Amino acid sequence: MRLAALAVITTAAALVALSAPRAQPEAPKLGFPVACRIGRTCEIQHYVDRDPGPGALDYRCGHRTYDKHDGVDIRLLDMVAQRAGVDVVAAAAGRVVAVRDGVPDISIRAPGAPSVAGHECGNRVGVSLGGGWIIDYCHLAKGSLKVKVGDTVAAGQPLAQVGLSGDTEFPHLHFSVRHANVLVDPFSAVPGGCGAAAPLWTPAAAAEMGYKRGAVLNAGFSTAAVSMAAMDERAAPAPTAAAPAIVVYARLIGLEAGDIIDLTLLGPDGKALAAGTLPPLDHDKDQVPAEILGKRPPQGWAHGAYSAVLRVRRSGAVALTHHWNTTL
């Protein structure tokens, strides 16, 4: 009787276990996926678009994204850094399920750039984390892939290097997360519009990627006007004591409609040698060049340290300040 009763209880328990809903796998915790430092050697250019309609809103209800953008763009400062090589690393452990290589590193705006139809992601590594989670690493540098399909990768393991392949105009990693083939914003895994919070990042990664309403990508001094192409190649000629002028230049990203940019050149005595203000921006801008020119004084340039100050004014307050120096 006892054995029979035990059998009945065991069978009932098995039926309950079979009918009970299976526990869903936990969401992954993701590390920072590029071997760079935000604010020093890279910046976030775009976030996932949270607006379900034709508009564009990032997870903070700002506009640092564009319609239907499905990932996080982590941008290098220039092409010199890209050619030197910056590793893309696995944000979490998993298995490589897709790779593509051979797509050239060239801006889609470059004359004669080939079509990217069908390979907009450029050179790619796809990693399955299990439980229906997949990460795509896009725009990787041609010939830099370090893994193949079937490889198991550990968190932090180099996968490739940041490139300029596919549908892009600047060197960056496009980092895209999906669960059960549905896009997930790693800054806010809660579905729906902006403002919700449930980040997938580890605390260290989240601290690295604090939200910015604008940033300075490049800044320097030159002897003449500096194009964004020259900034990308670090090709601006450095001023000397014999230079007829000193140009203070900067490239900013993620600015907002109405922002006002002020630039000032200060001499070794701390006095302003040149100053300028750009008109208020008429709409949100992915990137904005700014510069002012200071002409050589009649007595020539004094020897010593020169400094530049940039301020972005927004709604009557200073939203961003940046300083840099040179010595003549």
Protein backbone atom coordinates (compact mmCIF):
# COMPACT_ATOMS: atom_id res chain seq x y z
CA MET A 1 0.00 0.00 0.00
CA ARG A 2 2.73 2.40 0.86
CA LEU A 3 4.59 1.61 -2.35
CA ALA A 4 1.41 2.09 -4.38
CA ALA A 5 0.66 5.37 -2.63
CA LEU A 6 4.21 6.55 -3.28
CA ALA A 7 3.84 5.67 -6.94
CA VAL A 8 0.62 7.68 -7.19
CA ILE A 9 2.21 10.68 -5.48
CA THR A 10 5.30 10.49 -7.73
CA THR A 11 3.16 10.27 -10.85
CA ALA A 12 1.07 13.23 -9.76
CA ALA A 13 4.21 15.23 -9.01
CA ALA A 14 5.58 14.42 -12.44
CA LEU A 15 2.36 15.57 -14.11
CA VAL A 16 2.46 18.85 -12.17
CA ALA A 17 6.09 19.36 -13.16
CA LEU A 18 5.30 18.74 -16.83
CA SER A 19 2.31 21.08 -16.81
CA ALA A 20 4.07 23.90 -14.90
CA PRO A 21 5.38 26.77 -17.05
CA ARG A 22 9.10 26.60 -17.68
CA ALA A 23 11.21 29.34 -16.12
CA GLN A 24 12.23 31.91 -18.71
CA PRO A 25 15.99 32.41 -19.13
CA GLU A 26 17.28 35.54 -17.46
CA ALA A 27 18.21 38.50 -19.62
CA PRO A 28 21.97 38.70 -20.20
CA LYS A 29 24.26 41.23 -18.59
CA LEU A 30 26.34 42.95 -21.25
CA GLY A 31 29.81 44.44 -20.96
CA PHE A 32 31.05 47.44 -22.94
CA PRO A 33 31.78 46.04 -26.43
CA VAL A 34 34.67 48.24 -27.66
CA ALA A 35 38.22 48.60 -26.32
CA CYS A 36 37.93 52.39 -26.06
CA ARG A 37 37.01 55.01 -23.45
CA ILE A 38 33.90 57.15 -23.85
CA GLY A 39 34.89 60.82 -23.78
CA ARG A 40 38.53 60.03 -24.56
CA THR A 41 38.84 57.73 -27.56
CA CYS A 42 35.20 57.16 -28.59
CA GLU A 43 31.65 58.46 -28.14
CA ILE A 44 28.12 57.16 -28.60
CA GLN A 45 26.72 58.65 -31.77
CA HIS A 46 23.25 57.05 -31.92
CA TYR A 47 20.92 55.05 -29.69
CA VAL A 48 18.03 52.69 -30.53
CA ASP A 49 14.94 54.46 -31.87
CA ARG A 50 12.14 53.98 -29.30
CA ASP A 51 9.46 55.83 -31.28
CA PRO A 52 7.07 53.31 -32.91
CA GLY A 53 5.97 55.90 -35.47
CA PRO A 54 7.83 57.95 -38.07
CA GLY A 55 9.57 60.08 -35.42
CA ALA A 56 12.76 59.25 -33.51
CA LEU A 57 13.30 59.13 -29.74
CA ASP A 58 16.12 57.55 -27.76
CA TYR A 59 15.65 55.79 -24.41
CA ARG A 60 15.90 59.12 -22.57
CA CYS A 61 13.22 60.68 -24.83
CA GLY A 62 15.94 62.71 -26.55
CA HIS A 63 16.76 62.81 -30.23
CA ARG A 64 20.15 61.12 -30.38
CA THR A 65 18.86 58.55 -32.85
CA TYR A 66 16.99 58.41 -36.16
CA ASP A 67 13.88 56.68 -37.45
CA LYS A 68 14.03 52.87 -37.16
CA HIS A 69 17.64 52.81 -35.95
CA ASP A 70 18.04 49.36 -34.40
CA GLY A 71 21.25 49.51 -32.42
CA VAL A 72 23.82 51.52 -30.47
CA ASP A 73 26.54 53.24 -32.51
CA ILE A 74 29.88 53.56 -30.69
CA ARG A 75 32.01 55.90 -32.77
CA LEU A 76 35.79 56.34 -32.93
CA LEU A 77 37.09 59.89 -33.03
CA ASP A 78 38.68 59.72 -36.48
CA MET A 79 39.98 57.51 -39.27
CA VAL A 80 43.51 57.53 -37.88
CA ALA A 81 42.24 55.68 -34.82
CA GLN A 82 40.31 53.25 -37.01
CA ARG A 83 43.33 52.37 -39.11
CA ALA A 84 45.46 51.90 -36.00
CA GLY A 85 42.97 49.24 -34.89
CA VAL A 86 40.47 49.25 -32.04
CA ASP A 87 39.12 45.90 -30.85
CA VAL A 88 35.45 44.97 -30.74
CA VAL A 89 35.01 42.57 -27.83
CA ALA A 90 32.26 40.13 -26.88
CA ALA A 91 29.74 41.82 -24.58
CA ALA A 92 28.77 38.40 -23.18
CA ALA A 93 29.77 34.76 -23.55
CA GLY A 94 28.16 32.83 -26.39
CA ARG A 95 28.58 30.93 -29.63
CA VAL A 96 29.34 32.50 -33.01
CA VAL A 97 26.44 31.79 -35.37
CA ALA A 98 27.20 34.13 -38.28
CA VAL A 99 30.16 35.96 -39.81
CA ARG A 100 30.77 38.05 -42.90
CA ASP A 101 34.08 39.49 -44.10
CA GLY A 102 35.37 41.06 -47.31
CA VAL A 103 33.21 44.21 -47.37
CA PRO A 104 35.51 47.22 -47.98
CA ASP A 105 36.03 49.96 -45.40
CA ILE A 106 34.74 53.02 -47.24
CA SER A 107 32.18 55.70 -46.46
CA ILE A 108 28.97 55.44 -48.47
CA ARG A 109 29.52 59.16 -49.27
CA ALA A 110 32.93 58.56 -50.85
CA PRO A 111 33.13 59.00 -54.64
CA GLY A 112 32.77 55.63 -56.32
CA ALA A 113 31.72 53.84 -53.14
CA PRO A 114 30.23 50.41 -54.01
CA SER A 115 26.64 49.48 -53.29
CA VAL A 116 25.96 48.05 -49.82
CA ALA A 117 22.58 46.54 -50.75
CA GLY A 118 22.16 43.23 -48.95
CA HIS A 119 25.08 43.83 -46.62
CA GLU A 120 24.20 47.08 -44.90
CA CYS A 121 25.66 45.69 -41.66
CA GLY A 122 29.00 45.39 -43.42
CA ASN A 123 31.45 42.89 -42.00
CA ARG A 124 29.63 41.17 -39.16
CA VAL A 125 29.84 38.77 -36.25
CA GLY A 126 26.61 37.31 -34.84
CA VAL A 127 26.79 35.70 -31.40
CA SER A 128 24.06 33.59 -29.77
CA LEU A 129 23.94 33.91 -25.99
CA GLY A 130 21.38 31.12 -25.59
CA GLY A 131 17.74 31.41 -24.60
CA GLY A 132 16.89 33.20 -27.85
CA TRP A 133 19.32 36.10 -27.31
CA ILE A 134 21.52 37.16 -30.25
CA ILE A 135 23.93 40.08 -30.60
CA ASP A 136 25.05 41.48 -33.96
CA TYR A 137 28.35 43.36 -34.19
CA CYS A 138 28.33 45.39 -37.45
CA HIS A 139 30.61 47.60 -39.60
CA LEU A 140 33.70 45.61 -38.63
CA ALA A 141 37.02 46.24 -40.35
CA LYS A 142 37.72 44.13 -43.41
CA GLY A 143 40.12 41.29 -42.64
CA SER A 144 40.01 41.88 -38.88
CA LEU A 145 37.64 39.07 -37.83
CA LYS A 146 39.20 36.78 -35.23
CA VAL A 147 36.40 34.17 -34.96
CA LYS A 148 34.46 31.76 -37.15
CA VAL A 149 31.02 30.14 -37.02
CA GLY A 150 30.84 27.58 -34.23
CA ASP A 151 33.45 29.22 -32.03
CA THR A 152 32.63 29.69 -28.35
CA VAL A 153 33.60 33.14 -27.09
CA ALA A 154 34.06 34.50 -23.58
CA ALA A 155 32.92 37.90 -22.38
CA GLY A 156 35.61 40.44 -23.24
CA GLN A 157 37.20 38.27 -25.95
CA PRO A 158 38.26 40.22 -29.09
CA LEU A 159 36.02 39.44 -32.07
CA ALA A 160 37.30 41.89 -34.69
CA GLN A 161 38.13 45.60 -35.02
CA VAL A 162 35.99 48.68 -35.55
CA GLY A 163 35.62 49.42 -39.26
CA LEU A 164 33.84 51.48 -41.88
CA SER A 165 32.16 48.67 -43.81
CA GLY A 166 28.55 48.61 -44.96
CA ASP A 167 26.03 51.43 -44.68
CA THR A 168 28.05 53.98 -42.72
CA GLU A 169 29.82 57.33 -43.05
CA PHE A 170 32.11 57.15 -40.01
CA PRO A 171 34.09 54.43 -38.19
CA HIS A 172 31.94 52.79 -35.52
CA LEU A 173 30.50 49.62 -34.08
CA HIS A 174 26.78 49.14 -34.60
CA PHE A 175 25.72 46.96 -31.65
CA SER A 176 22.31 45.33 -31.96
CA VAL A 177 20.52 43.01 -29.49
CA ARG A 178 17.54 40.75 -30.23
CA HIS A 179 15.53 38.26 -28.20
CA ALA A 180 13.31 35.77 -30.02
CA ASN A 181 14.01 37.85 -33.14
CA VAL A 182 12.60 41.01 -31.52
CA LEU A 183 14.78 44.10 -31.16
CA VAL A 184 15.79 44.91 -27.56
CA ASP A 185 17.29 48.23 -26.50
CA PRO A 186 20.19 47.39 -24.15
CA PHE A 187 19.68 50.74 -22.38
CA SER A 188 16.04 49.91 -21.64
CA ALA A 189 14.81 46.38 -22.24
CA VAL A 190 11.21 47.37 -21.38
CA PRO A 191 9.21 47.35 -24.64
CA GLY A 192 7.32 50.42 -25.76
CA GLY A 193 8.29 54.06 -25.92
CA CYS A 194 11.01 56.03 -24.19
CA GLY A 195 11.47 56.69 -20.50
CA ALA A 196 11.31 53.11 -19.18
CA ALA A 197 14.30 51.51 -17.49
CA ALA A 198 15.65 47.96 -17.35
CA PRO A 199 19.16 48.14 -18.79
CA LEU A 200 21.03 45.03 -19.84
CA TRP A 201 24.45 46.56 -19.17
CA THR A 202 26.73 45.53 -16.34
CA PRO A 203 27.26 48.30 -13.77
CA ALA A 204 30.73 48.98 -15.18
CA ALA A 205 29.43 49.29 -18.74
CA ALA A 206 26.53 51.49 -17.65
CA ALA A 207 28.95 53.80 -15.84
CA GLU A 208 31.09 54.04 -18.98
CA MET A 209 28.12 55.04 -21.13
CA GLY A 210 26.40 57.80 -19.18
CA TYR A 211 23.91 59.67 -21.36
CA LYS A 212 25.16 62.92 -22.94
CA ARG A 213 23.11 65.63 -24.60
CA GLY A 214 26.02 66.52 -26.85
CA ALA A 215 29.79 65.97 -26.87
CA VAL A 216 32.99 67.32 -28.43
CA LEU A 217 34.45 64.73 -30.79
CA ASN A 218 37.55 66.60 -32.02
CA ALA A 219 39.21 69.89 -31.08
CA GLY A 220 42.49 71.58 -31.94
CA PHE A 221 44.44 74.53 -33.33
CA SER A 222 45.50 75.17 -36.91
CA THR A 223 46.74 77.88 -39.25
CA ALA A 224 43.75 77.76 -41.62
CA ALA A 225 40.17 76.54 -41.88
CA VAL A 226 39.86 72.84 -41.08
CA SER A 227 37.48 70.51 -42.92
CA MET A 228 35.88 67.51 -41.26
CA ALA A 229 37.92 65.34 -43.64
CA ALA A 230 41.09 66.95 -42.26
CA MET A 231 39.85 66.28 -38.71
CA ASP A 232 39.34 62.63 -39.62
CA GLU A 233 42.92 62.44 -40.88
CA ARG A 234 44.42 64.67 -38.14
CA ALA A 235 45.77 66.69 -41.05
CA ALA A 236 45.30 70.24 -39.74
CA PRO A 237 48.66 72.09 -39.83
CA ALA A 238 49.75 73.03 -36.33
CA PRO A 239 50.31 76.74 -35.71
CA THR A 240 53.80 78.15 -35.21
CA ALA A 241 55.15 81.46 -33.95
CA ALA A 242 55.37 82.58 -37.59
CA ALA A 243 51.77 81.67 -38.47
CA PRO A 244 49.66 84.53 -39.86
CA ALA A 245 46.65 83.25 -37.94
CA ILE A 246 45.55 80.73 -35.35
CA VAL A 247 42.34 78.84 -36.01
CA VAL A 248 40.49 77.24 -33.11
CA TYR A 249 38.35 74.36 -34.37
CA ALA A 250 36.06 71.67 -33.01
CA ARG A 251 33.59 69.04 -34.17
CA LEU A 252 30.60 68.41 -31.92
CA ILE A 253 27.99 65.65 -32.03
CA GLY A 254 24.48 65.24 -30.68
CA LEU A 255 23.53 68.91 -30.41
CA GLU A 256 19.93 70.12 -30.25
CA ALA A 257 17.81 72.70 -32.03
CA GLY A 258 18.41 76.15 -30.53
CA ASP A 259 21.90 75.35 -29.21
CA ILE A 260 24.39 78.24 -29.44
CA ILE A 261 28.14 77.56 -29.71
CA ASP A 262 30.64 80.08 -28.31
CA LEU A 263 34.39 79.83 -29.03
CA THR A 264 37.19 81.90 -27.51
CA LEU A 265 40.97 81.97 -28.11
CA LEU A 266 43.01 83.10 -25.09
CA GLY A 267 46.64 84.22 -25.16
CA PRO A 268 49.37 83.36 -22.66
CA ASP A 269 48.28 86.33 -20.53
CA GLY A 270 44.72 84.97 -20.34
CA LYS A 271 43.27 87.75 -22.49
CA ALA A 272 40.92 86.98 -25.37
CA LEU A 273 42.54 87.22 -28.79
CA ALA A 274 39.47 86.11 -30.74
CA ALA A 275 35.91 85.13 -29.98
CA GLY A 276 32.90 84.07 -31.99
CA THR A 277 29.36 82.78 -31.65
CA LEU A 278 27.56 80.55 -34.14
CA PRO A 279 23.88 81.19 -34.90
CA PRO A 280 21.40 79.00 -32.97
CA LEU A 281 21.01 75.59 -34.59
CA ASP A 282 17.83 75.39 -36.64
CA HIS A 283 17.40 71.66 -35.93
CA ASP A 284 19.01 68.76 -34.06
CA LYS A 285 22.44 67.96 -35.52
CA ASP A 286 24.34 64.67 -35.64
CA GLN A 287 27.58 66.61 -36.03
CA VAL A 288 28.52 70.29 -36.20
CA PRO A 289 31.89 71.89 -37.10
CA ALA A 290 32.81 75.13 -35.38
CA GLU A 291 35.83 77.42 -35.66
CA ILE A 292 37.12 80.95 -35.12
CA LEU A 293 40.22 82.70 -36.46
CA GLY A 294 42.58 84.94 -34.57
CA LYS A 295 44.94 87.08 -36.68
CA ARG A 296 48.57 87.52 -35.65
CA PRO A 297 48.97 90.74 -33.66
CA PRO A 298 51.36 93.43 -35.02
CA GLN A 299 53.99 92.50 -32.45
CA GLY A 300 53.72 88.80 -33.37
CA TRP A 301 52.61 85.86 -31.30
CA ALA A 302 53.91 85.86 -27.75
CA HIS A 303 55.67 82.70 -26.67
CA GLY A 304 53.70 80.61 -24.19
CA ALA A 305 50.52 78.59 -23.73
CA TYR A 306 47.40 79.44 -25.73
CA SER A 307 44.04 78.02 -24.77
CA ALA A 308 40.61 77.61 -26.33
CA VAL A 309 37.26 77.55 -24.57
CA LEU A 310 34.08 76.19 -26.13
CA ARG A 311 30.65 76.55 -24.56
CA VAL A 312 27.30 75.31 -25.76
CA ARG A 313 24.41 77.39 -24.45
CA ARG A 314 21.00 75.73 -24.28
CA SER A 315 17.80 77.34 -23.00
CA GLY A 316 19.75 80.10 -21.27
CA ALA A 317 22.22 77.81 -19.47
CA VAL A 318 25.64 76.35 -20.31
CA ALA A 319 25.05 72.74 -21.37
CA LEU A 320 28.59 71.82 -22.43
CA THR A 321 32.09 73.22 -21.83
CA HIS A 322 35.38 72.10 -23.34
CA HIS A 323 38.95 73.43 -22.97
CA TRP A 324 42.16 72.65 -24.91
CA ASN A 325 45.67 74.11 -25.19
CA THR A 326 48.72 74.55 -27.39
CA THR A 327 52.14 76.16 -26.93
CA LEU A 328 54.00 78.46 -29.30
